[in-house]
Structures are given as C-alpha cells and as structure tokens.
Amino acid sequence: MTTSLHPAIDLLDTAAFAGSQPHEQFRWLRENEPVHRHADPHGPDFWVVTRHADVIAVEEDHETFSSEPTIMIADPSEELGLGDHKMMISADPPLHTSYRRLVHKEFTPKAAQALSARIGELASTIVDRVAGRGECDLVADIAGELPSSVIAELLGIPLEDGRRLYALTELIHADPAKVPEGAGTGAVLEMFGYASQVAADKRANPGQDLASRLLHAEVDGHRLDDMDFCLFFLLLVDAGGDTTRNLVAGGMQALFEHPEQRRRLQADLDGLLAPAIDEMLRFVSPVIYMRRTATRDTVLGGQAIAAGEKVVVYYGSANRDAAVFDDPDAFRIDRAPHPHIAFGVGRHFCLGVHIARVEIAAMLREVLTRLPDIEPAGPVTWQDSAFIFGPRSMPVRFTPTTVR
C-alpha cells in the first residue's frame, strides 16, 4: 500500500524528534521510498533505510556496509586528532572483534546478574533521595542517576565525575545549531582530557576496575595507547548512559500517555515488567540511527548505491514497521512476540544490553512501587538531537513518602 500525502522529509531537523520521532515521515518512506536519498546541506547526500527487513540486511552485512569511518552522519572532525585510531563502535572486524573481546566478560548475562544486587541498591538509594520531596526532575534526579553511578563504579571513578561526564554526552549529541559553536567538539576533548588522567592514574595504581583492565590488556600483542583508551572510555560512558536514561524517562512518558497500560503494569509488575520493557524499547527507540558506509556498489530496496555513499538505518522506523508489528503505533505492554531492534543487530548488537536491562528493570520497579502516583508536573523538554531520542527534562510530582 502507498500513501498519497507526501510529508516534508527532513530527518536532520532536531525539532522533528521533540516529543516523538517523526513517525509520519517514517511511515511514508516505508510505504513509498524505503531506501530514500536524503539531502544534507553540510555534506554529501545519504541514503535513509526505514524498513525492518532492510535495516537488518544492512546491519548483518558489514562487508558491504562498513561502520568506518563513523556511525554518525557527519564525518569526524579533524580537530579531534584521531589519526588512524578507531572507536570500537566505528570499527569493522577484525579490529572490532578484538576490541569487543577485551570487555566481553564484563557484560555477559552472568556478569549482569552478579551486578544486579548492587544495581538494585543504587536504584533504591536514588529514589530515597527524592521520595520525601514530592517532586523532582525524572531525568536528572532518577533516570540519569543510575547509569551514571553504574558506569562510574565499573570504571573506578568518583560518582560526581560520572555525573559531569553524563552532561558532556548530552553536548556531544546535541544539534550544533542549538549549542555554542564548538561545544560538541569541546565536550569530546574534555572527555579525552579526563580519560587521559584516568589512564595515568590506573597505570600507576591499577585496581580491579574496567579501566585498569583495559589499560593492561593487549590487542594483537599491543596495549592500548592513550587515544585508544580515550575512545574506549568515551564509548563506555556514552553508550553506558544514553539507552538506560532515555528508555527509563521515555518509557515513563509512554506510561503517562497510556494510563490503562500503566494501571495494568502496576497491578502485575512481576508478570508484565519484562515484556513492558521490550515494548518501551520498541516504542521509544532511544538510539535513532546508525550510519554505515558502502564499501562497494550495491543495490538495496531497488536503489543503486555507490561505493563510498552513506547508508543510514533508522531503528525508530524499523520498530514501527507494520509488516512486522501488528498495530505498530499502539503501546501494548504485553506485546509478543517482540522482534524489536532497539539494541541494534548483528556484530554491533549492544554490548551492554544485559546490564542495561537490569538497570531499567530496577529503576522502573523502584519508581512504580515507591512513587505509585507519580505524574507529570510541567512541560517536558527533549534532547536537541537527531541521533539520541529522549527527554532532557521531565518535571514530576508524587505523594511524598518516608525513606524505607
């Protein structure tokens, strides 16, 4: 089926991602131009891939669709001085495989289970801090606190530093037009400066934390140099916070907007929390896109794609594909089966998925049981980003409770 109404297609405009992803645009593209050439005023055109099957096809073929030189639509800034260094998420095998092997053991289901008690304690402490106040910002005071705490403990750095690094990730992903000139690059450089200090400290005083293990591990017979470590550090901080923070906040927003689903969830939290989280992941899709670059001439969705062209897969669109999901715009916490791809596909499937799930479940359980009447208390502001989707500020109120 095709639709006759042609919406304006602009997936670079961050305003299109304020409050909701641009599902009208995505729907039209899936039905009419599932592989669409999109203009970019700041660089070459790029291909937009919107159907679930096509997104999976791109993600599973790294030989044709490379993650290098970057996962972002814009090419890397020369100001960062990366040289030949690559971040794991922007690398292909065999380097990607070697890097992933370095940290794989820290993110297995067994490792996540071992952390679950501590994550539960952290989630409880976070709610303790706000429970008596009767109001807070759900993003800054709740959703953003847990991943900042967990990644800080994993890396062996102070929690306060974790909070500052979380603020830097927001600048890194913000629309350059919405922040002071050079703010994104400056945030990356500040992160690199902090990571270099961590590297010097952990080399001199190694511990049992993930940062120490990375610095004393070897890739193909060589230890990570400062830039290798800085890129790894940035990835862990960034990816370790974005999905959890935006999913918890965005998931709560979905519950506010669908009160009957919220009532069902709170009435049967043990039975419905796991499928509800999957539905939140599909419905919110915290990571909007990933860019790949064609390594050779190919054809996708009937479109001829030339070697070197940018190919951008949109998870938020794939997760609303009516060919895969019945009534895809409906929010149903018991939806099953659930082949969403919010965590990616293939070799770049989210490394931290198991820890993220434990964090999300712990935080939602605390909020929904200890602040049962939580509700919006003011307008929500959204991330100024076309890459990461979620609220930036979310005022809420609730009946004050005593700390247990």
Protein backbone atom coordinates (compact mmCIF):
# COMPACT_ATOMS: atom_id res chain seq x y z
CA MET A 1 0.00 0.00 0.00
CA THR A 2 1.18 3.53 -0.69
CA THR A 3 0.03 6.79 0.77
CA SER A 4 -0.73 9.78 -1.40
CA LEU A 5 0.14 12.55 1.07
CA HIS A 6 3.85 13.33 0.83
CA PRO A 7 5.14 14.86 4.08
CA ALA A 8 8.25 17.01 4.02
CA ILE A 9 11.16 14.67 4.68
CA ASP A 10 13.81 16.18 6.95
CA LEU A 11 15.50 13.78 9.34
CA LEU A 12 18.27 16.23 10.20
CA ASP A 13 15.90 18.68 11.92
CA THR A 14 16.08 18.01 15.66
CA ALA A 15 12.66 19.64 16.09
CA ALA A 16 11.20 16.56 14.36
CA PHE A 17 12.38 14.48 17.33
CA ALA A 18 10.89 16.65 20.11
CA GLY A 19 8.18 14.69 21.88
CA SER A 20 8.06 11.91 19.32
CA GLN A 21 10.10 10.55 16.48
CA PRO A 22 8.85 11.68 13.03
CA HIS A 23 6.63 8.65 12.51
CA GLU A 24 4.57 10.29 9.77
CA GLN A 25 7.76 10.72 7.73
CA PHE A 26 8.92 7.20 8.54
CA ARG A 27 5.56 5.70 7.57
CA TRP A 28 5.53 7.46 4.21
CA LEU A 29 9.10 6.38 3.50
CA ARG A 30 8.46 2.73 4.40
CA GLU A 31 5.43 2.66 2.11
CA ASN A 32 6.82 4.68 -0.80
CA GLU A 33 10.62 5.07 -0.73
CA PRO A 34 12.03 2.61 1.82
CA VAL A 35 15.55 3.46 0.64
CA HIS A 36 15.46 7.23 0.15
CA ARG A 37 18.14 9.69 -0.92
CA HIS A 38 18.23 12.49 1.66
CA ALA A 39 19.93 15.83 1.06
CA ASP A 40 22.42 17.17 3.59
CA PRO A 41 23.25 20.90 3.46
CA HIS A 42 26.52 20.24 5.28
CA GLY A 43 27.83 17.33 3.22
CA PRO A 44 27.04 14.61 0.70
CA ASP A 45 23.57 13.14 0.39
CA PHE A 46 22.87 10.00 2.40
CA TRP A 47 20.54 7.04 1.99
CA VAL A 48 17.76 6.61 4.57
CA VAL A 49 16.76 2.99 5.28
CA THR A 50 13.41 2.62 7.07
CA ARG A 51 12.03 -0.92 6.70
CA HIS A 52 12.72 -3.52 9.36
CA ALA A 53 13.99 -6.13 6.88
CA ASP A 54 16.26 -3.68 5.08
CA VAL A 55 17.74 -2.36 8.33
CA ILE A 56 18.60 -5.91 9.35
CA ALA A 57 20.06 -6.64 5.90
CA VAL A 58 22.40 -3.64 6.19
CA GLU A 59 23.39 -4.37 9.77
CA GLU A 60 24.21 -8.02 9.07
CA ASP A 61 26.44 -7.29 6.05
CA HIS A 62 29.48 -5.47 7.39
CA GLU A 63 31.49 -6.38 4.28
CA THR A 64 29.18 -4.24 2.13
CA PHE A 65 28.09 -1.71 4.75
CA SER A 66 31.04 -0.66 6.89
CA SER A 67 30.94 1.05 10.29
CA GLU A 68 34.03 3.02 9.31
CA PRO A 69 34.87 5.88 9.42
CA THR A 70 31.98 6.75 11.77
CA ILE A 71 28.48 5.85 12.89
CA MET A 72 27.38 9.49 12.66
CA ILE A 73 26.00 11.13 9.51
CA ALA A 74 28.63 13.86 9.75
CA ASP A 75 32.22 12.79 9.15
CA PRO A 76 34.67 13.00 12.09
CA SER A 77 36.09 16.41 12.93
CA GLU A 78 39.79 16.77 12.18
CA GLU A 79 40.04 18.84 15.37
CA LEU A 80 39.85 15.65 17.41
CA GLY A 81 43.18 14.41 16.04
CA LEU A 82 42.13 10.75 15.90
CA GLY A 83 44.57 9.80 13.15
CA ASP A 84 44.27 6.06 12.47
CA HIS A 85 42.64 5.36 15.83
CA LYS A 86 39.12 3.92 15.81
CA MET A 87 36.38 3.59 18.38
CA MET A 88 35.07 0.03 18.70
CA ILE A 89 31.59 1.02 17.53
CA SER A 90 33.11 2.59 14.40
CA ALA A 91 35.38 -0.36 13.56
CA ASP A 92 34.87 -3.45 11.43
CA PRO A 93 36.29 -6.93 12.00
CA PRO A 94 38.94 -7.97 12.80
CA LEU A 95 39.65 -4.87 14.94
CA HIS A 96 36.06 -4.67 16.18
CA THR A 97 36.19 -8.34 17.19
CA SER A 98 39.46 -7.84 19.08
CA TYR A 99 38.17 -4.77 20.91
CA ARG A 100 34.88 -6.42 21.82
CA ARG A 101 36.73 -9.45 23.17
CA LEU A 102 38.60 -7.15 25.60
CA VAL A 103 35.46 -6.22 27.50
CA HIS A 104 33.04 -9.02 26.65
CA LYS A 105 33.35 -10.77 30.03
CA GLU A 106 32.29 -7.59 31.84
CA PHE A 107 28.93 -7.54 30.03
CA THR A 108 27.75 -11.16 29.85
CA PRO A 109 24.40 -12.23 31.37
CA LYS A 110 26.38 -13.77 34.25
CA ALA A 111 28.23 -10.51 34.88
CA ALA A 112 24.99 -8.55 34.76
CA GLN A 113 23.39 -10.93 37.22
CA ALA A 114 26.36 -10.51 39.56
CA LEU A 115 25.77 -6.74 39.47
CA SER A 116 22.01 -6.94 39.96
CA ALA A 117 22.04 -6.66 43.76
CA ARG A 118 24.31 -3.61 43.66
CA ILE A 119 22.23 -2.04 40.88
CA GLY A 120 19.12 -2.61 42.99
CA GLU A 121 20.80 -0.87 45.95
CA LEU A 122 21.75 2.09 43.78
CA ALA A 123 18.21 2.38 42.37
CA SER A 124 16.77 2.30 45.88
CA THR A 125 19.18 4.99 47.08
CA ILE A 126 18.30 7.21 44.12
CA VAL A 127 14.58 7.03 44.96
CA ASP A 128 15.41 7.56 48.65
CA ARG A 129 16.87 10.96 47.75
CA VAL A 130 13.66 12.22 46.14
CA ALA A 131 10.90 10.25 47.89
CA GLY A 132 10.30 12.80 50.63
CA ARG A 133 10.34 15.81 48.33
CA GLY A 134 7.12 15.11 46.46
CA GLU A 135 8.60 16.41 43.21
CA CYS A 136 11.75 16.10 41.10
CA ASP A 137 13.08 16.03 37.57
CA LEU A 138 12.65 12.44 36.46
CA VAL A 139 15.56 12.69 34.01
CA ALA A 140 18.21 14.42 36.12
CA ASP A 141 17.22 13.05 39.53
CA ILE A 142 16.21 9.49 38.62
CA ALA A 143 16.74 8.20 35.09
CA GLY A 144 20.18 9.78 34.61
CA GLU A 145 21.49 8.92 38.06
CA LEU A 146 21.56 5.13 37.81
CA PRO A 147 23.60 4.66 34.62
CA SER A 148 25.98 7.40 35.76
CA SER A 149 26.50 5.55 39.04
CA VAL A 150 26.91 2.13 37.43
CA ILE A 151 29.42 3.20 34.79
CA ALA A 152 31.39 5.21 37.37
CA GLU A 153 31.68 2.14 39.59
CA LEU A 154 32.63 -0.10 36.67
CA LEU A 155 35.37 2.32 35.57
CA GLY A 156 36.57 3.02 39.10
CA ILE A 157 35.93 6.78 39.07
CA PRO A 158 34.04 9.03 41.51
CA LEU A 159 30.27 9.27 41.08
CA GLU A 160 30.41 13.07 40.85
CA ASP A 161 32.73 12.69 37.87
CA GLY A 162 30.24 10.28 36.33
CA ARG A 163 27.58 12.98 36.56
CA ARG A 164 29.80 15.51 34.79
CA LEU A 165 30.66 13.03 32.06
CA TYR A 166 26.94 12.34 31.55
CA ALA A 167 26.41 16.08 30.99
CA LEU A 168 29.19 16.03 28.39
CA THR A 169 27.45 13.26 26.43
CA GLU A 170 24.39 15.50 26.05
CA LEU A 171 26.58 18.18 24.49
CA ILE A 172 28.27 15.67 22.22
CA HIS A 173 24.93 14.59 20.72
CA ALA A 174 23.24 17.99 20.66
CA ASP A 175 22.39 19.79 17.43
CA PRO A 176 25.40 22.08 16.78
CA ALA A 177 22.95 24.88 15.94
CA LYS A 178 21.37 24.64 19.43
CA VAL A 179 24.58 24.91 21.48
CA PRO A 180 27.52 27.37 21.45
CA GLU A 181 29.85 26.98 18.48
CA GLY A 182 32.33 24.17 19.04
CA ALA A 183 30.55 22.89 22.17
CA GLY A 184 30.32 19.31 20.90
CA THR A 185 33.98 19.10 19.96
CA GLY A 186 34.89 20.81 23.22
CA ALA A 187 32.90 18.21 25.17
CA VAL A 188 34.73 15.36 23.41
CA LEU A 189 38.09 16.99 24.13
CA GLU A 190 37.15 17.47 27.80
CA MET A 191 36.16 13.81 27.97
CA PHE A 192 39.50 12.86 26.39
CA GLY A 193 41.36 15.04 28.89
CA TYR A 194 39.59 13.35 31.79
CA ALA A 195 40.19 9.89 30.31
CA SER A 196 43.91 10.65 29.94
CA GLN A 197 44.07 11.49 33.64
CA VAL A 198 42.28 8.24 34.46
CA ALA A 199 44.76 6.35 32.26
CA ALA A 200 47.75 7.86 34.04
CA ASP A 201 46.26 7.06 37.45
CA LYS A 202 45.25 3.48 36.60
CA ARG A 203 48.62 2.70 35.03
CA ALA A 204 50.32 3.86 38.21
CA ASN A 205 47.73 2.44 40.61
CA PRO A 206 45.87 -0.39 38.87
CA GLY A 207 42.74 -1.78 40.50
CA GLN A 208 40.09 -4.36 39.70
CA ASP A 209 38.01 -1.88 37.71
CA LEU A 210 37.30 -2.00 33.99
CA ALA A 211 39.55 0.98 33.20
CA SER A 212 42.56 -0.76 34.78
CA ARG A 213 41.86 -3.99 32.94
CA LEU A 214 41.60 -2.19 29.62
CA LEU A 215 44.91 -0.42 30.13
CA HIS A 216 46.73 -3.65 30.98
CA ALA A 217 45.14 -5.78 28.26
CA GLU A 218 46.60 -6.33 24.80
CA VAL A 219 45.12 -6.15 21.31
CA ASP A 220 47.15 -8.08 18.75
CA GLY A 221 50.16 -8.01 21.06
CA HIS A 222 49.93 -4.28 21.84
CA ARG A 223 48.49 -2.41 24.80
CA LEU A 224 46.06 0.44 24.24
CA ASP A 225 47.74 3.82 23.85
CA ASP A 226 46.20 7.00 25.28
CA MET A 227 43.98 7.70 22.27
CA ASP A 228 42.78 4.09 22.08
CA PHE A 229 41.84 4.28 25.75
CA CYS A 230 40.19 7.70 25.38
CA LEU A 231 37.97 6.40 22.60
CA PHE A 232 37.07 3.28 24.60
CA PHE A 233 36.35 5.43 27.66
CA LEU A 234 34.11 7.78 25.67
CA LEU A 235 32.17 4.86 24.21
CA LEU A 236 31.61 3.20 27.60
CA VAL A 237 30.45 6.43 29.24
CA ASP A 238 28.25 7.43 26.31
CA ALA A 239 26.66 4.09 25.49
CA GLY A 240 26.51 3.17 29.17
CA GLY A 241 24.20 6.08 29.89
CA ASP A 242 22.15 7.02 26.87
CA THR A 243 19.97 3.95 26.39
CA THR A 244 19.10 3.47 30.06
CA ARG A 245 18.50 7.15 30.80
CA ASN A 246 16.37 7.77 27.72
CA LEU A 247 14.50 4.48 27.98
CA VAL A 248 13.50 4.97 31.62
CA ALA A 249 12.40 8.57 31.04
CA GLY A 250 10.82 7.88 27.65
CA GLY A 251 9.18 4.72 28.96
CA MET A 252 7.64 6.62 31.87
CA GLN A 253 6.36 9.22 29.43
CA ALA A 254 4.71 6.41 27.43
CA LEU A 255 3.07 5.15 30.64
CA PHE A 256 1.83 8.66 31.45
CA GLU A 257 0.29 8.89 27.97
CA HIS A 258 -1.29 5.41 28.21
CA PRO A 259 -2.79 5.27 31.72
CA GLU A 260 -4.64 2.00 31.12
CA GLN A 261 -1.35 0.28 30.28
CA ARG A 262 0.25 1.82 33.36
CA ARG A 263 -2.55 0.50 35.58
CA ARG A 264 -2.09 -2.99 34.17
CA LEU A 265 1.67 -2.85 34.72
CA GLN A 266 1.43 -1.63 38.30
CA ALA A 267 -1.16 -4.30 39.06
CA ASP A 268 1.13 -7.10 37.82
CA LEU A 269 4.68 -5.81 37.91
CA ASP A 270 6.27 -9.24 38.26
CA GLY A 271 4.39 -10.67 35.31
CA LEU A 272 4.44 -7.71 32.94
CA LEU A 273 7.64 -5.74 33.61
CA ALA A 274 9.85 -7.74 31.23
CA PRO A 275 7.51 -7.53 28.20
CA ALA A 276 6.72 -3.92 29.08
CA ILE A 277 10.41 -3.03 28.87
CA ASP A 278 10.61 -4.61 25.41
CA GLU A 279 7.58 -2.60 24.34
CA MET A 280 9.15 0.57 25.72
CA LEU A 281 12.34 -0.18 23.79
CA ARG A 282 10.33 -0.60 20.58
CA PHE A 283 8.06 2.37 21.19
CA VAL A 284 10.76 4.81 22.34
CA SER A 285 13.80 3.54 20.33
CA PRO A 286 16.40 5.61 22.25
CA VAL A 287 19.05 5.30 19.52
CA ILE A 288 17.57 6.90 16.42
CA TYR A 289 20.02 5.80 13.74
CA MET A 290 23.38 4.34 12.84
CA ARG A 291 25.34 5.26 9.74
CA ARG A 292 27.14 2.72 7.60
CA THR A 293 29.25 3.42 4.51
CA ALA A 294 29.02 1.33 1.34
CA THR A 295 32.30 -0.40 0.54
CA ARG A 296 31.22 -1.33 -3.00
CA ASP A 297 28.46 -0.67 -5.49
CA THR A 298 25.32 -2.47 -4.42
CA VAL A 299 21.52 -2.44 -4.68
CA LEU A 300 19.21 -2.07 -1.68
CA GLY A 301 15.45 -1.70 -1.85
CA GLY A 302 15.66 -1.24 -5.61
CA GLN A 303 18.10 1.68 -5.28
CA ALA A 304 21.61 1.62 -6.73
CA ILE A 305 24.05 2.64 -4.00
CA ALA A 306 27.59 3.57 -4.99
CA ALA A 307 30.74 2.67 -3.10
CA GLY A 308 31.54 5.38 -0.55
CA GLU A 309 27.96 6.58 -0.08
CA LYS A 310 26.44 6.94 3.38
CA VAL A 311 23.69 4.48 4.31
CA VAL A 312 21.75 5.37 7.48
CA VAL A 313 19.46 2.87 9.21
CA TYR A 314 16.62 4.21 11.36
CA TYR A 315 15.69 1.95 14.26
CA GLY A 316 12.68 4.03 15.29
CA SER A 317 11.17 3.45 11.86
CA ALA A 318 12.01 -0.25 11.72
CA ASN A 319 10.37 -0.68 15.13
CA ARG A 320 7.07 0.69 13.77
CA ASP A 321 7.06 -1.40 10.57
CA ALA A 322 3.53 -2.77 10.05
CA ALA A 323 4.98 -5.72 8.13
CA VAL A 324 6.47 -6.91 11.43
CA PHE A 325 4.38 -5.38 14.23
CA ASP A 326 0.60 -5.56 14.46
CA ASP A 327 -0.93 -2.11 15.06
CA PRO A 328 2.60 -0.68 15.38
CA ASP A 329 1.62 2.75 16.74
CA ALA A 330 -0.21 1.20 19.69
CA PHE A 331 1.61 0.91 23.01
CA ARG A 332 0.87 -2.57 24.42
CA ILE A 333 2.92 -3.78 27.37
CA ASP A 334 2.08 -7.45 26.73
CA ARG A 335 3.01 -7.40 23.03
CA ALA A 336 4.50 -10.70 21.87
CA PRO A 337 6.49 -11.87 20.03
CA HIS A 338 8.80 -8.87 20.12
CA PRO A 339 11.43 -8.67 17.36
CA HIS A 340 12.33 -5.02 18.03
CA ILE A 341 15.85 -3.90 17.14
CA ALA A 342 16.30 -1.05 19.61
CA PHE A 343 19.62 -2.60 20.69
CA GLY A 344 20.86 -2.97 17.13
CA VAL A 345 21.56 -6.06 15.05
CA GLY A 346 24.49 -8.28 14.16
CA ARG A 347 28.10 -7.65 15.17
CA HIS A 348 27.26 -4.28 16.67
CA PHE A 349 24.40 -5.55 18.82
CA CYS A 350 24.61 -3.54 22.05
CA LEU A 351 27.43 -4.88 24.21
CA GLY A 352 25.82 -3.62 27.43
CA VAL A 353 22.33 -4.98 26.75
CA HIS A 354 22.24 -7.30 29.78
CA ILE A 355 23.36 -4.64 32.26
CA ALA A 356 21.01 -2.12 30.64
CA ARG A 357 18.07 -4.47 31.13
CA VAL A 358 18.95 -4.97 34.80
CA GLU A 359 19.25 -1.19 35.31
CA ILE A 360 15.99 -0.44 33.52
CA ALA A 361 14.05 -3.08 35.45
CA ALA A 362 15.49 -1.98 38.80
CA MET A 363 14.74 1.70 38.23
CA LEU A 364 11.22 1.19 36.89
CA ARG A 365 10.38 -1.18 39.75
CA GLU A 366 11.53 1.37 42.33
CA VAL A 367 9.63 4.24 40.73
CA LEU A 368 6.37 2.37 40.12
CA THR A 369 6.21 0.77 43.58
CA ARG A 370 7.56 3.55 45.79
CA LEU A 371 6.15 6.53 43.88
CA PRO A 372 2.93 4.88 42.69
CA ASP A 373 1.02 8.08 41.90
CA ILE A 374 3.87 9.81 40.06
CA GLU A 375 2.56 12.15 37.37
CA PRO A 376 3.75 14.98 35.09
CA ALA A 377 4.19 18.35 36.80
CA GLY A 378 5.22 20.57 33.90
CA PRO A 379 6.29 20.62 30.26
CA VAL A 380 8.84 18.09 29.07
CA THR A 381 11.87 19.30 27.13
CA TRP A 382 13.57 16.95 24.69
CA GLN A 383 17.12 16.25 23.61
CA ASP A 384 18.28 18.60 20.85
CA SER A 385 19.46 15.64 18.83
CA ALA A 386 18.59 13.67 15.71
CA PHE A 387 20.77 10.77 16.93
CA ILE A 388 19.64 10.11 20.51
CA PHE A 389 15.94 10.27 21.42
CA GLY A 390 14.54 11.03 24.85
CA PRO A 391 13.51 13.71 27.33
CA ARG A 392 16.13 16.15 28.62
CA SER A 393 14.00 17.44 31.48
CA MET A 394 10.81 15.95 32.88
CA PRO A 395 9.21 17.56 35.96
CA VAL A 396 7.10 15.12 38.01
CA ARG A 397 5.23 15.12 41.30
CA PHE A 398 4.07 12.40 43.68
CA THR A 399 2.88 11.89 47.22
CA PRO A 400 5.93 12.26 49.49
CA THR A 401 6.94 9.06 51.23
CA THR A 402 9.36 8.26 54.00
CA VAL A 403 12.70 6.67 53.17
CA ARG A 404 12.44 2.98 53.93
